[in-house]
Amino acid sequence: MSVINHAAKTIYFKLVYYGPGLAGKTANLQYIHRALPDAAKGTMTSLATGDDRTLFFDFLPVSALTVRGFVTKFQIYTVPGQTYYNMTRKLVLRGADGVVFVADSQWYRLHENVESFRNLEENLREYEYALDDIPYVLQYNKRDVDKIAPLEYLEFLLNRRARRVPSFEAVAVDGKGVFDTLNTVSRMVLAREFGQQLGEQREAT
């Protein structure tokens, strides 16, 4: 759910990177934070959770959208990957406007991908949401390592719902696919929230 700061004339949207441990959620955020200009990003904060952690920061898109005098900003979070931190996952997921599910492409991690995806659906249900109710995309990370599953098989496992969603191959540590993923989910969030206003602004430019 977007949060409006009337004093700062800013609308905040929350993006959550979800997925199994060590799939590349942290690598995505670290690359994004390094690549963004200083004026467009906040400080990255790390909250330790045992042997895992949650990262977050906010950023101003390079082509920031202004709606009725309010500037849109995004707050971007990761969830801890380990299953025994599920309460933290739920707290981070609460109020999410969009989700990026980061899957590990390696064959031996496929079961963990499926379990984490199911966990995402279960946690959303606790907030009376369904995954099909919110914008989300899939990222198949670690495409540079040995013994990875074919893209078609990953799609079969994770992207065969009634509503197929955009998916991206990635090597997050090198930045490959990172901004394709982020830009797409950001546009989906804004389109859902400001569909008509977005169309009007595009026509005017």
N, C-alpha and C. Protein backbone atom coordinates (compact mmCIF):
# COMPACT_ATOMS: atom_id res chain seq x y z
N MET A 1 0.84 -1.18 0.00
CA MET A 1 0.00 0.00 0.00
C MET A 1 0.88 1.24 0.00
N SER A 2 0.66 2.15 -0.95
CA SER A 2 1.47 3.36 -1.03
C SER A 2 1.25 4.23 0.20
N VAL A 3 2.29 4.98 0.56
CA VAL A 3 2.24 5.87 1.71
C VAL A 3 2.50 7.29 1.23
N ILE A 4 1.63 8.21 1.59
CA ILE A 4 1.74 9.59 1.14
C ILE A 4 2.30 10.45 2.26
N ASN A 5 3.38 11.17 1.97
CA ASN A 5 3.95 12.14 2.89
C ASN A 5 3.59 13.52 2.37
N HIS A 6 2.56 14.12 2.98
CA HIS A 6 2.06 15.41 2.48
C HIS A 6 3.08 16.51 2.69
N ALA A 7 3.83 16.46 3.78
CA ALA A 7 4.81 17.52 4.06
C ALA A 7 5.92 17.52 3.01
N ALA A 8 6.39 16.32 2.64
CA ALA A 8 7.47 16.21 1.66
C ALA A 8 6.96 16.12 0.23
N LYS A 9 5.61 16.09 0.04
CA LYS A 9 4.99 15.97 -1.29
C LYS A 9 5.54 14.74 -2.02
N THR A 10 5.57 13.61 -1.31
CA THR A 10 6.14 12.38 -1.86
C THR A 10 5.20 11.21 -1.63
N ILE A 11 5.08 10.36 -2.63
CA ILE A 11 4.34 9.10 -2.51
C ILE A 11 5.35 7.96 -2.53
N TYR A 12 5.33 7.13 -1.50
CA TYR A 12 6.27 6.02 -1.39
C TYR A 12 5.59 4.70 -1.78
N PHE A 13 6.30 3.93 -2.59
CA PHE A 13 5.85 2.59 -2.94
C PHE A 13 6.89 1.60 -2.44
N LYS A 14 6.41 0.44 -2.02
CA LYS A 14 7.28 -0.57 -1.41
C LYS A 14 7.45 -1.76 -2.34
N LEU A 15 8.70 -2.06 -2.66
CA LEU A 15 9.04 -3.25 -3.45
C LEU A 15 9.78 -4.23 -2.56
N VAL A 16 9.41 -5.51 -2.65
CA VAL A 16 10.03 -6.53 -1.82
C VAL A 16 10.66 -7.60 -2.71
N TYR A 17 11.94 -7.88 -2.47
CA TYR A 17 12.65 -8.96 -3.16
C TYR A 17 12.55 -10.20 -2.28
N TYR A 18 11.92 -11.24 -2.82
CA TYR A 18 11.61 -12.45 -2.07
C TYR A 18 12.31 -13.63 -2.75
N GLY A 19 12.59 -14.68 -1.99
CA GLY A 19 13.19 -15.87 -2.58
C GLY A 19 14.00 -16.63 -1.55
N PRO A 20 14.52 -17.79 -1.93
CA PRO A 20 15.28 -18.61 -0.98
C PRO A 20 16.61 -17.96 -0.62
N GLY A 21 17.21 -18.45 0.45
CA GLY A 21 18.50 -17.93 0.89
C GLY A 21 19.57 -18.10 -0.18
N LEU A 22 20.41 -17.08 -0.31
CA LEU A 22 21.56 -17.09 -1.22
C LEU A 22 21.17 -17.16 -2.69
N ALA A 23 19.93 -16.80 -3.01
CA ALA A 23 19.52 -16.79 -4.41
C ALA A 23 19.99 -15.54 -5.14
N GLY A 24 20.28 -14.47 -4.39
CA GLY A 24 20.77 -13.25 -5.03
C GLY A 24 19.98 -12.00 -4.73
N LYS A 25 19.12 -12.04 -3.72
CA LYS A 25 18.34 -10.85 -3.36
C LYS A 25 19.26 -9.72 -2.91
N THR A 26 20.20 -10.05 -2.04
CA THR A 26 21.14 -9.04 -1.55
C THR A 26 22.00 -8.51 -2.69
N ALA A 27 22.45 -9.39 -3.59
CA ALA A 27 23.27 -8.96 -4.72
C ALA A 27 22.52 -7.97 -5.60
N ASN A 28 21.23 -8.18 -5.78
CA ASN A 28 20.42 -7.24 -6.55
C ASN A 28 20.42 -5.86 -5.90
N LEU A 29 20.12 -5.80 -4.61
CA LEU A 29 20.04 -4.51 -3.95
C LEU A 29 21.39 -3.81 -3.90
N GLN A 30 22.44 -4.58 -3.67
CA GLN A 30 23.77 -3.96 -3.61
C GLN A 30 24.15 -3.38 -4.96
N TYR A 31 23.84 -4.08 -6.04
CA TYR A 31 24.17 -3.55 -7.36
C TYR A 31 23.35 -2.30 -7.67
N ILE A 32 22.06 -2.35 -7.37
CA ILE A 32 21.19 -1.18 -7.61
C ILE A 32 21.71 0.02 -6.85
N HIS A 33 22.03 -0.20 -5.58
CA HIS A 33 22.48 0.92 -4.75
C HIS A 33 23.79 1.50 -5.27
N ARG A 34 24.71 0.65 -5.71
CA ARG A 34 25.98 1.14 -6.26
C ARG A 34 25.76 1.94 -7.54
N ALA A 35 24.83 1.49 -8.37
CA ALA A 35 24.66 2.07 -9.69
C ALA A 35 23.87 3.38 -9.70
N LEU A 36 23.00 3.57 -8.71
CA LEU A 36 22.20 4.79 -8.69
C LEU A 36 23.04 6.00 -8.31
N PRO A 37 22.75 7.16 -8.90
CA PRO A 37 23.46 8.38 -8.48
C PRO A 37 23.13 8.72 -7.03
N ASP A 38 24.08 9.33 -6.35
CA ASP A 38 23.91 9.63 -4.92
C ASP A 38 22.66 10.44 -4.64
N ALA A 39 22.34 11.37 -5.53
CA ALA A 39 21.19 12.24 -5.29
C ALA A 39 19.86 11.51 -5.38
N ALA A 40 19.88 10.29 -5.93
CA ALA A 40 18.62 9.58 -6.17
C ALA A 40 18.40 8.43 -5.20
N LYS A 41 19.25 8.30 -4.16
CA LYS A 41 19.10 7.14 -3.29
C LYS A 41 19.34 7.52 -1.84
N GLY A 42 18.73 6.75 -0.96
CA GLY A 42 18.97 6.90 0.46
C GLY A 42 20.07 5.94 0.90
N THR A 43 20.36 5.97 2.18
CA THR A 43 21.38 5.08 2.74
C THR A 43 20.86 3.66 2.82
N MET A 44 21.68 2.71 2.44
CA MET A 44 21.28 1.31 2.59
C MET A 44 21.42 0.89 4.05
N THR A 45 20.38 0.30 4.58
CA THR A 45 20.35 -0.14 5.96
C THR A 45 20.29 -1.65 6.00
N SER A 46 21.05 -2.26 6.87
CA SER A 46 21.08 -3.71 7.03
C SER A 46 20.65 -4.06 8.45
N LEU A 47 19.60 -4.88 8.55
CA LEU A 47 19.13 -5.35 9.84
C LEU A 47 19.51 -6.81 9.98
N ALA A 48 20.40 -7.11 10.89
CA ALA A 48 20.86 -8.49 11.09
C ALA A 48 19.76 -9.31 11.72
N THR A 49 19.60 -10.53 11.20
CA THR A 49 18.63 -11.48 11.76
C THR A 49 19.36 -12.80 11.94
N GLY A 50 20.05 -12.96 13.07
CA GLY A 50 20.83 -14.18 13.26
C GLY A 50 21.93 -14.24 12.21
N ASP A 51 21.93 -15.31 11.39
CA ASP A 51 22.94 -15.43 10.35
C ASP A 51 22.42 -14.96 9.00
N ASP A 52 21.29 -14.27 9.01
CA ASP A 52 20.72 -13.72 7.79
C ASP A 52 20.50 -12.23 8.02
N ARG A 53 19.98 -11.53 7.04
CA ARG A 53 19.75 -10.10 7.22
C ARG A 53 18.71 -9.60 6.25
N THR A 54 18.15 -8.43 6.60
CA THR A 54 17.22 -7.72 5.74
C THR A 54 17.87 -6.41 5.34
N LEU A 55 17.84 -6.10 4.05
CA LEU A 55 18.39 -4.86 3.54
C LEU A 55 17.25 -3.98 3.04
N PHE A 56 17.41 -2.66 3.18
CA PHE A 56 16.45 -1.77 2.54
C PHE A 56 17.05 -0.39 2.34
N PHE A 57 16.52 0.30 1.34
CA PHE A 57 16.82 1.71 1.12
C PHE A 57 15.73 2.26 0.22
N ASP A 58 15.64 3.57 0.14
CA ASP A 58 14.68 4.14 -0.79
C ASP A 58 15.44 4.82 -1.93
N PHE A 59 14.74 4.99 -3.06
CA PHE A 59 15.39 5.64 -4.19
C PHE A 59 14.36 6.37 -5.03
N LEU A 60 14.85 7.34 -5.74
CA LEU A 60 14.05 8.14 -6.66
C LEU A 60 14.38 7.67 -8.06
N PRO A 61 13.40 7.17 -8.80
CA PRO A 61 13.70 6.72 -10.16
C PRO A 61 14.30 7.85 -10.99
N VAL A 62 15.15 7.48 -11.93
CA VAL A 62 15.81 8.50 -12.75
C VAL A 62 14.78 9.35 -13.48
N SER A 63 13.75 8.72 -14.02
CA SER A 63 12.66 9.47 -14.65
C SER A 63 11.48 9.47 -13.69
N ALA A 64 11.61 10.21 -12.60
CA ALA A 64 10.60 10.20 -11.54
C ALA A 64 9.27 10.73 -12.05
N LEU A 65 8.22 10.06 -11.66
CA LEU A 65 6.87 10.46 -12.04
C LEU A 65 6.32 11.43 -11.01
N THR A 66 5.73 12.53 -11.48
CA THR A 66 5.08 13.48 -10.59
C THR A 66 3.58 13.42 -10.86
N VAL A 67 2.81 13.18 -9.80
CA VAL A 67 1.36 13.08 -9.91
C VAL A 67 0.73 14.09 -8.96
N ARG A 68 0.03 15.06 -9.54
CA ARG A 68 -0.64 16.09 -8.75
C ARG A 68 0.31 16.76 -7.76
N GLY A 69 1.51 17.02 -8.23
CA GLY A 69 2.48 17.71 -7.40
C GLY A 69 3.27 16.82 -6.46
N PHE A 70 2.98 15.52 -6.44
CA PHE A 70 3.70 14.58 -5.57
C PHE A 70 4.71 13.79 -6.41
N VAL A 71 5.93 13.65 -5.86
CA VAL A 71 6.97 12.87 -6.52
C VAL A 71 6.91 11.44 -6.00
N THR A 72 7.05 10.48 -6.91
CA THR A 72 7.02 9.07 -6.51
C THR A 72 8.43 8.59 -6.15
N LYS A 73 8.53 7.89 -5.04
CA LYS A 73 9.78 7.24 -4.63
C LYS A 73 9.47 5.79 -4.29
N PHE A 74 10.50 4.97 -4.36
CA PHE A 74 10.35 3.55 -4.03
C PHE A 74 11.20 3.21 -2.81
N GLN A 75 10.64 2.38 -1.96
CA GLN A 75 11.38 1.76 -0.87
C GLN A 75 11.57 0.30 -1.25
N ILE A 76 12.79 -0.16 -1.23
CA ILE A 76 13.10 -1.50 -1.74
C ILE A 76 13.70 -2.33 -0.62
N TYR A 77 13.17 -3.52 -0.42
CA TYR A 77 13.54 -4.39 0.69
C TYR A 77 13.89 -5.79 0.20
N THR A 78 14.72 -6.48 0.96
CA THR A 78 14.87 -7.93 0.82
C THR A 78 14.27 -8.59 2.05
N VAL A 79 13.88 -9.85 1.90
CA VAL A 79 13.47 -10.64 3.06
C VAL A 79 14.59 -11.63 3.38
N PRO A 80 14.71 -12.04 4.65
CA PRO A 80 15.67 -13.11 4.96
C PRO A 80 15.26 -14.40 4.25
N GLY A 81 16.24 -15.10 3.72
CA GLY A 81 15.94 -16.28 2.93
C GLY A 81 15.65 -17.53 3.74
N GLN A 82 16.19 -17.61 4.95
CA GLN A 82 16.04 -18.82 5.74
C GLN A 82 14.60 -18.97 6.25
N THR A 83 14.06 -20.17 6.17
CA THR A 83 12.65 -20.40 6.50
C THR A 83 12.33 -20.12 7.95
N TYR A 84 13.32 -20.28 8.85
CA TYR A 84 13.01 -20.08 10.27
C TYR A 84 12.91 -18.60 10.63
N TYR A 85 13.10 -17.70 9.66
CA TYR A 85 12.86 -16.28 9.89
C TYR A 85 11.56 -15.85 9.22
N ASN A 86 10.59 -16.76 9.19
CA ASN A 86 9.36 -16.46 8.46
C ASN A 86 8.60 -15.28 9.06
N MET A 87 8.66 -15.08 10.37
CA MET A 87 7.96 -13.94 10.95
C MET A 87 8.52 -12.63 10.41
N THR A 88 9.85 -12.57 10.24
CA THR A 88 10.45 -11.37 9.65
C THR A 88 10.03 -11.21 8.20
N ARG A 89 9.96 -12.31 7.47
CA ARG A 89 9.48 -12.26 6.09
C ARG A 89 8.09 -11.63 6.03
N LYS A 90 7.21 -12.08 6.91
CA LYS A 90 5.85 -11.55 6.92
C LYS A 90 5.84 -10.05 7.18
N LEU A 91 6.64 -9.62 8.15
CA LEU A 91 6.66 -8.20 8.50
C LEU A 91 7.17 -7.36 7.34
N VAL A 92 8.21 -7.84 6.66
CA VAL A 92 8.76 -7.10 5.52
C VAL A 92 7.75 -7.07 4.37
N LEU A 93 7.04 -8.16 4.17
CA LEU A 93 6.10 -8.27 3.06
C LEU A 93 4.86 -7.39 3.25
N ARG A 94 4.56 -7.07 4.48
CA ARG A 94 3.35 -6.32 4.76
C ARG A 94 3.35 -4.98 4.03
N GLY A 95 2.26 -4.71 3.33
CA GLY A 95 2.12 -3.44 2.62
C GLY A 95 2.88 -3.34 1.33
N ALA A 96 3.39 -4.46 0.82
CA ALA A 96 4.16 -4.42 -0.43
C ALA A 96 3.27 -4.03 -1.60
N ASP A 97 3.77 -3.13 -2.44
CA ASP A 97 3.07 -2.73 -3.67
C ASP A 97 3.50 -3.58 -4.85
N GLY A 98 4.67 -4.19 -4.76
CA GLY A 98 5.17 -5.03 -5.84
C GLY A 98 6.20 -6.00 -5.29
N VAL A 99 6.37 -7.14 -5.96
CA VAL A 99 7.27 -8.20 -5.50
C VAL A 99 8.15 -8.66 -6.65
N VAL A 100 9.43 -8.86 -6.35
CA VAL A 100 10.35 -9.54 -7.25
C VAL A 100 10.72 -10.87 -6.60
N PHE A 101 10.39 -11.97 -7.27
CA PHE A 101 10.80 -13.27 -6.75
C PHE A 101 12.10 -13.67 -7.42
N VAL A 102 13.15 -13.79 -6.62
CA VAL A 102 14.48 -14.14 -7.12
C VAL A 102 14.70 -15.63 -6.93
N ALA A 103 14.82 -16.35 -8.03
CA ALA A 103 15.03 -17.79 -7.99
C ALA A 103 16.49 -18.11 -8.31
N ASP A 104 17.01 -19.14 -7.69
CA ASP A 104 18.35 -19.65 -7.96
C ASP A 104 18.25 -20.65 -9.10
N SER A 105 19.00 -20.43 -10.17
CA SER A 105 18.89 -21.27 -11.37
C SER A 105 19.50 -22.65 -11.24
N GLN A 106 20.27 -22.91 -10.20
CA GLN A 106 20.97 -24.18 -10.09
C GLN A 106 19.99 -25.33 -9.83
N TRP A 107 20.26 -26.46 -10.48
CA TRP A 107 19.37 -27.61 -10.38
C TRP A 107 19.08 -27.99 -8.93
N TYR A 108 20.12 -28.03 -8.10
CA TYR A 108 19.92 -28.52 -6.74
C TYR A 108 19.14 -27.55 -5.86
N ARG A 109 18.88 -26.33 -6.35
CA ARG A 109 18.10 -25.35 -5.58
C ARG A 109 16.65 -25.26 -6.03
N LEU A 110 16.24 -26.07 -6.99
CA LEU A 110 14.89 -25.92 -7.55
C LEU A 110 13.81 -26.17 -6.50
N HIS A 111 14.01 -27.17 -5.65
CA HIS A 111 13.02 -27.45 -4.61
C HIS A 111 12.88 -26.26 -3.67
N GLU A 112 14.00 -25.64 -3.32
CA GLU A 112 13.94 -24.48 -2.44
C GLU A 112 13.22 -23.31 -3.10
N ASN A 113 13.40 -23.15 -4.42
CA ASN A 113 12.66 -22.11 -5.12
C ASN A 113 11.16 -22.32 -5.00
N VAL A 114 10.73 -23.55 -5.24
CA VAL A 114 9.29 -23.85 -5.19
C VAL A 114 8.75 -23.65 -3.79
N GLU A 115 9.49 -24.12 -2.79
CA GLU A 115 9.04 -23.95 -1.41
C GLU A 115 8.96 -22.47 -1.03
N SER A 116 9.92 -21.68 -1.45
CA SER A 116 9.91 -20.25 -1.13
C SER A 116 8.75 -19.55 -1.84
N PHE A 117 8.47 -19.96 -3.06
CA PHE A 117 7.35 -19.37 -3.79
C PHE A 117 6.02 -19.69 -3.09
N ARG A 118 5.88 -20.92 -2.64
CA ARG A 118 4.68 -21.29 -1.89
C ARG A 118 4.58 -20.49 -0.59
N ASN A 119 5.72 -20.29 0.06
CA ASN A 119 5.75 -19.52 1.29
C ASN A 119 5.31 -18.07 1.04
N LEU A 120 5.73 -17.51 -0.09
CA LEU A 120 5.29 -16.16 -0.46
C LEU A 120 3.77 -16.11 -0.57
N GLU A 121 3.19 -17.08 -1.25
CA GLU A 121 1.74 -17.11 -1.39
C GLU A 121 1.04 -17.25 -0.04
N GLU A 122 1.58 -18.12 0.82
CA GLU A 122 0.98 -18.33 2.15
C GLU A 122 1.03 -17.05 2.98
N ASN A 123 2.16 -16.37 2.95
CA ASN A 123 2.30 -15.15 3.75
C ASN A 123 1.40 -14.03 3.23
N LEU A 124 1.24 -13.95 1.93
CA LEU A 124 0.31 -12.96 1.38
C LEU A 124 -1.12 -13.25 1.81
N ARG A 125 -1.49 -14.53 1.86
CA ARG A 125 -2.85 -14.88 2.27
C ARG A 125 -3.15 -14.42 3.69
N GLU A 126 -2.14 -14.40 4.54
CA GLU A 126 -2.35 -13.94 5.91
C GLU A 126 -2.76 -12.47 5.96
N TYR A 127 -2.37 -11.72 4.92
CA TYR A 127 -2.79 -10.32 4.82
C TYR A 127 -3.99 -10.16 3.91
N GLU A 128 -4.63 -11.31 3.58
CA GLU A 128 -5.82 -11.34 2.72
C GLU A 128 -5.52 -10.82 1.32
N TYR A 129 -4.31 -11.15 0.84
CA TYR A 129 -3.91 -10.85 -0.53
C TYR A 129 -3.67 -12.15 -1.26
N ALA A 130 -3.81 -12.09 -2.57
CA ALA A 130 -3.38 -13.19 -3.43
C ALA A 130 -2.28 -12.66 -4.32
N LEU A 131 -1.38 -13.53 -4.73
CA LEU A 131 -0.27 -13.09 -5.56
C LEU A 131 -0.77 -12.44 -6.85
N ASP A 132 -1.88 -12.92 -7.37
CA ASP A 132 -2.42 -12.34 -8.59
C ASP A 132 -3.00 -10.94 -8.38
N ASP A 133 -3.10 -10.50 -7.14
CA ASP A 133 -3.65 -9.17 -6.85
C ASP A 133 -2.60 -8.06 -6.91
N ILE A 134 -1.32 -8.43 -6.93
CA ILE A 134 -0.28 -7.41 -6.88
C ILE A 134 0.70 -7.60 -8.04
N PRO A 135 1.34 -6.53 -8.48
CA PRO A 135 2.36 -6.66 -9.53
C PRO A 135 3.56 -7.46 -9.02
N TYR A 136 4.00 -8.43 -9.80
CA TYR A 136 5.22 -9.14 -9.45
C TYR A 136 5.90 -9.66 -10.70
N VAL A 137 7.20 -9.88 -10.60
CA VAL A 137 7.98 -10.43 -11.70
C VAL A 137 8.89 -11.51 -11.14
N LEU A 138 9.43 -12.32 -12.04
CA LEU A 138 10.35 -13.38 -11.67
C LEU A 138 11.74 -13.08 -12.22
N GLN A 139 12.74 -13.36 -11.41
CA GLN A 139 14.11 -13.24 -11.87
C GLN A 139 14.82 -14.57 -11.65
N TYR A 140 15.37 -15.13 -12.75
CA TYR A 140 16.13 -16.38 -12.67
C TYR A 140 17.61 -16.01 -12.60
N ASN A 141 18.15 -16.03 -11.40
CA ASN A 141 19.49 -15.54 -11.16
C ASN A 141 20.54 -16.65 -11.29
N LYS A 142 21.79 -16.25 -11.30
CA LYS A 142 22.95 -17.14 -11.37
C LYS A 142 23.00 -17.93 -12.68
N ARG A 143 22.69 -17.25 -13.77
CA ARG A 143 22.72 -17.91 -15.08
C ARG A 143 24.15 -18.13 -15.58
N ASP A 144 25.14 -17.69 -14.81
CA ASP A 144 26.54 -17.83 -15.21
C ASP A 144 27.22 -19.04 -14.59
N VAL A 145 26.55 -19.77 -13.73
CA VAL A 145 27.21 -20.88 -13.04
C VAL A 145 26.94 -22.20 -13.76
N ASP A 146 27.64 -23.25 -13.32
CA ASP A 146 27.46 -24.58 -13.92
C ASP A 146 26.19 -25.24 -13.40
N LYS A 147 25.69 -26.18 -14.17
CA LYS A 147 24.58 -27.04 -13.78
C LYS A 147 23.33 -26.22 -13.41
N ILE A 148 22.92 -25.40 -14.37
CA ILE A 148 21.70 -24.63 -14.17
C ILE A 148 20.55 -25.27 -14.96
N ALA A 149 19.34 -25.05 -14.48
CA ALA A 149 18.16 -25.58 -15.14
C ALA A 149 17.84 -24.74 -16.37
N PRO A 150 17.33 -25.35 -17.42
CA PRO A 150 16.92 -24.57 -18.60
C PRO A 150 15.84 -23.56 -18.23
N LEU A 151 15.83 -22.46 -18.95
CA LEU A 151 14.84 -21.42 -18.70
C LEU A 151 13.42 -21.97 -18.79
N GLU A 152 13.19 -22.85 -19.78
CA GLU A 152 11.84 -23.39 -19.98
C GLU A 152 11.37 -24.17 -18.75
N TYR A 153 12.30 -24.87 -18.11
CA TYR A 153 11.91 -25.65 -16.93
C TYR A 153 11.62 -24.74 -15.75
N LEU A 154 12.39 -23.69 -15.57
CA LEU A 154 12.12 -22.73 -14.51
C LEU A 154 10.76 -22.07 -14.73
N GLU A 155 10.46 -21.76 -15.97
CA GLU A 155 9.15 -21.18 -16.28
C GLU A 155 8.03 -22.17 -15.94
N PHE A 156 8.27 -23.44 -16.24
CA PHE A 156 7.26 -24.46 -15.93
C PHE A 156 7.02 -24.54 -14.43
N LEU A 157 8.07 -24.45 -13.65
CA LEU A 157 7.94 -24.57 -12.19
C LEU A 157 7.29 -23.34 -11.55
N LEU A 158 7.65 -22.15 -12.02
CA LEU A 158 7.31 -20.93 -11.29
C LEU A 158 6.40 -19.95 -12.03
N ASN A 159 6.20 -20.16 -13.32
CA ASN A 159 5.45 -19.15 -14.08
C ASN A 159 4.37 -19.78 -14.96
N ARG A 160 3.62 -20.68 -14.39
CA ARG A 160 2.55 -21.33 -15.15
C ARG A 160 1.19 -21.11 -14.53
N ARG A 161 1.04 -19.97 -13.84
CA ARG A 161 -0.25 -19.61 -13.29
C ARG A 161 -1.14 -19.09 -14.42
N ALA A 162 -2.40 -18.81 -14.08
CA ALA A 162 -3.31 -18.26 -15.08
C ALA A 162 -2.77 -16.95 -15.65
N ARG A 163 -2.12 -16.16 -14.79
CA ARG A 163 -1.53 -14.90 -15.24
C ARG A 163 -0.01 -15.06 -15.30
N ARG A 164 0.51 -15.25 -16.50
CA ARG A 164 1.97 -15.32 -16.65
C ARG A 164 2.55 -13.92 -16.46
N VAL A 165 3.69 -13.84 -15.84
CA VAL A 165 4.27 -12.55 -15.52
C VAL A 165 5.63 -12.41 -16.21
N PRO A 166 6.15 -11.19 -16.33
CA PRO A 166 7.47 -11.01 -16.93
C PRO A 166 8.54 -11.75 -16.12
N SER A 167 9.50 -12.33 -16.83
CA SER A 167 10.60 -13.02 -16.16
C SER A 167 11.90 -12.63 -16.83
N PHE A 168 12.99 -12.69 -16.05
CA PHE A 168 14.27 -12.20 -16.52
C PHE A 168 15.39 -13.14 -16.10
N GLU A 169 16.31 -13.41 -17.03
CA GLU A 169 17.54 -14.09 -16.67
C GLU A 169 18.50 -13.06 -16.09
N ALA A 170 19.28 -13.46 -15.10
CA ALA A 170 20.13 -12.48 -14.44
C ALA A 170 21.42 -13.09 -13.92
N VAL A 171 22.41 -12.23 -13.81
CA VAL A 171 23.63 -12.50 -13.06
C VAL A 171 23.78 -11.27 -12.16
N ALA A 172 23.15 -11.32 -11.01
CA ALA A 172 22.97 -10.11 -10.20
C ALA A 172 24.30 -9.51 -9.73
N VAL A 173 25.28 -10.34 -9.44
CA VAL A 173 26.56 -9.81 -8.95
C VAL A 173 27.24 -8.94 -10.00
N ASP A 174 26.96 -9.19 -11.29
CA ASP A 174 27.54 -8.39 -12.37
C ASP A 174 26.56 -7.35 -12.91
N GLY A 175 25.33 -7.36 -12.40
CA GLY A 175 24.34 -6.40 -12.85
C GLY A 175 23.48 -6.84 -14.02
N LYS A 176 23.77 -8.00 -14.61
CA LYS A 176 22.99 -8.45 -15.76
C LYS A 176 21.55 -8.74 -15.33
N GLY A 177 20.60 -8.10 -15.98
CA GLY A 177 19.18 -8.32 -15.71
C GLY A 177 18.65 -7.60 -14.49
N VAL A 178 19.51 -6.94 -13.73
CA VAL A 178 19.07 -6.33 -12.47
C VAL A 178 18.13 -5.16 -12.72
N PHE A 179 18.53 -4.23 -13.59
CA PHE A 179 17.67 -3.07 -13.82
C PHE A 179 16.50 -3.39 -14.75
N ASP A 180 16.64 -4.41 -15.62
CA ASP A 180 15.48 -4.86 -16.39
C ASP A 180 14.38 -5.33 -15.44
N THR A 181 14.79 -6.08 -14.42
CA THR A 181 13.83 -6.58 -13.42
C THR A 181 13.21 -5.43 -12.65
N LEU A 182 14.05 -4.55 -12.12
CA LEU A 182 13.57 -3.45 -11.30
C LEU A 182 12.68 -2.49 -12.09
N ASN A 183 13.10 -2.12 -13.28
CA ASN A 183 12.33 -1.17 -14.07
C ASN A 183 10.95 -1.72 -14.43
N THR A 184 10.91 -3.02 -14.72
CA THR A 184 9.63 -3.62 -15.11
C THR A 184 8.65 -3.65 -13.94
N VAL A 185 9.09 -4.12 -12.78
CA VAL A 185 8.16 -4.18 -11.65
C VAL A 185 7.76 -2.77 -11.20
N SER A 186 8.68 -1.81 -11.30
CA SER A 186 8.34 -0.43 -10.95
C SER A 186 7.27 0.12 -11.86
N ARG A 187 7.42 -0.11 -13.15
CA ARG A 187 6.40 0.36 -14.11
C ARG A 187 5.06 -0.31 -13.86
N MET A 188 5.08 -1.60 -13.52
CA MET A 188 3.83 -2.31 -13.24
C MET A 188 3.12 -1.71 -12.03
N VAL A 189 3.89 -1.38 -10.98
CA VAL A 189 3.30 -0.77 -9.78
C VAL A 189 2.68 0.57 -10.12
N LEU A 190 3.42 1.41 -10.85
CA LEU A 190 2.92 2.74 -11.18
C LEU A 190 1.72 2.66 -12.13
N ALA A 191 1.75 1.71 -13.06
CA ALA A 191 0.64 1.58 -13.99
C ALA A 191 -0.64 1.19 -13.27
N ARG A 192 -0.52 0.31 -12.29
CA ARG A 192 -1.71 -0.08 -11.53
C ARG A 192 -2.25 1.09 -10.71
N GLU A 193 -1.34 1.88 -10.14
CA GLU A 193 -1.76 2.96 -9.25
C GLU A 193 -2.22 4.19 -10.02
N PHE A 194 -1.51 4.49 -11.10
CA PHE A 194 -1.77 5.74 -11.81
C PHE A 194 -2.00 5.51 -13.30
N GLY A 195 -2.65 4.44 -13.66
CA GLY A 195 -2.81 4.09 -15.06
C GLY A 195 -3.26 5.24 -15.94
N GLN A 196 -4.29 5.90 -15.54
CA GLN A 196 -4.83 6.98 -16.36
C GLN A 196 -3.89 8.18 -16.38
N GLN A 197 -3.33 8.54 -15.21
CA GLN A 197 -2.42 9.67 -15.15
C GLN A 197 -1.16 9.43 -15.97
N LEU A 198 -0.66 8.16 -15.93
CA LEU A 198 0.52 7.83 -16.71
C LEU A 198 0.27 8.04 -18.19
N GLY A 199 -0.89 7.59 -18.66
CA GLY A 199 -1.23 7.76 -20.06
C GLY A 199 -1.32 9.21 -20.46
N GLU A 200 -1.91 10.01 -19.60
CA GLU A 200 -2.03 11.43 -19.90
C GLU A 200 -0.67 12.09 -19.95
N GLN A 201 0.25 11.71 -19.02
CA GLN A 201 1.57 12.32 -19.01
C GLN A 201 2.37 11.92 -20.26
N ARG A 202 2.25 10.68 -20.68
CA ARG A 202 2.98 10.24 -21.87
C ARG A 202 2.52 11.01 -23.10
N GLU A 203 1.20 11.24 -23.20
CA GLU A 203 0.67 11.96 -24.35
C GLU A 203 1.15 13.39 -24.37
N ALA A 204 1.40 13.95 -23.17
CA ALA A 204 1.78 15.35 -23.10
C ALA A 204 3.27 15.58 -23.36
N THR A 205 4.08 14.47 -23.33
CA THR A 205 5.53 14.65 -23.49
C THR A 205 5.99 14.32 -24.91
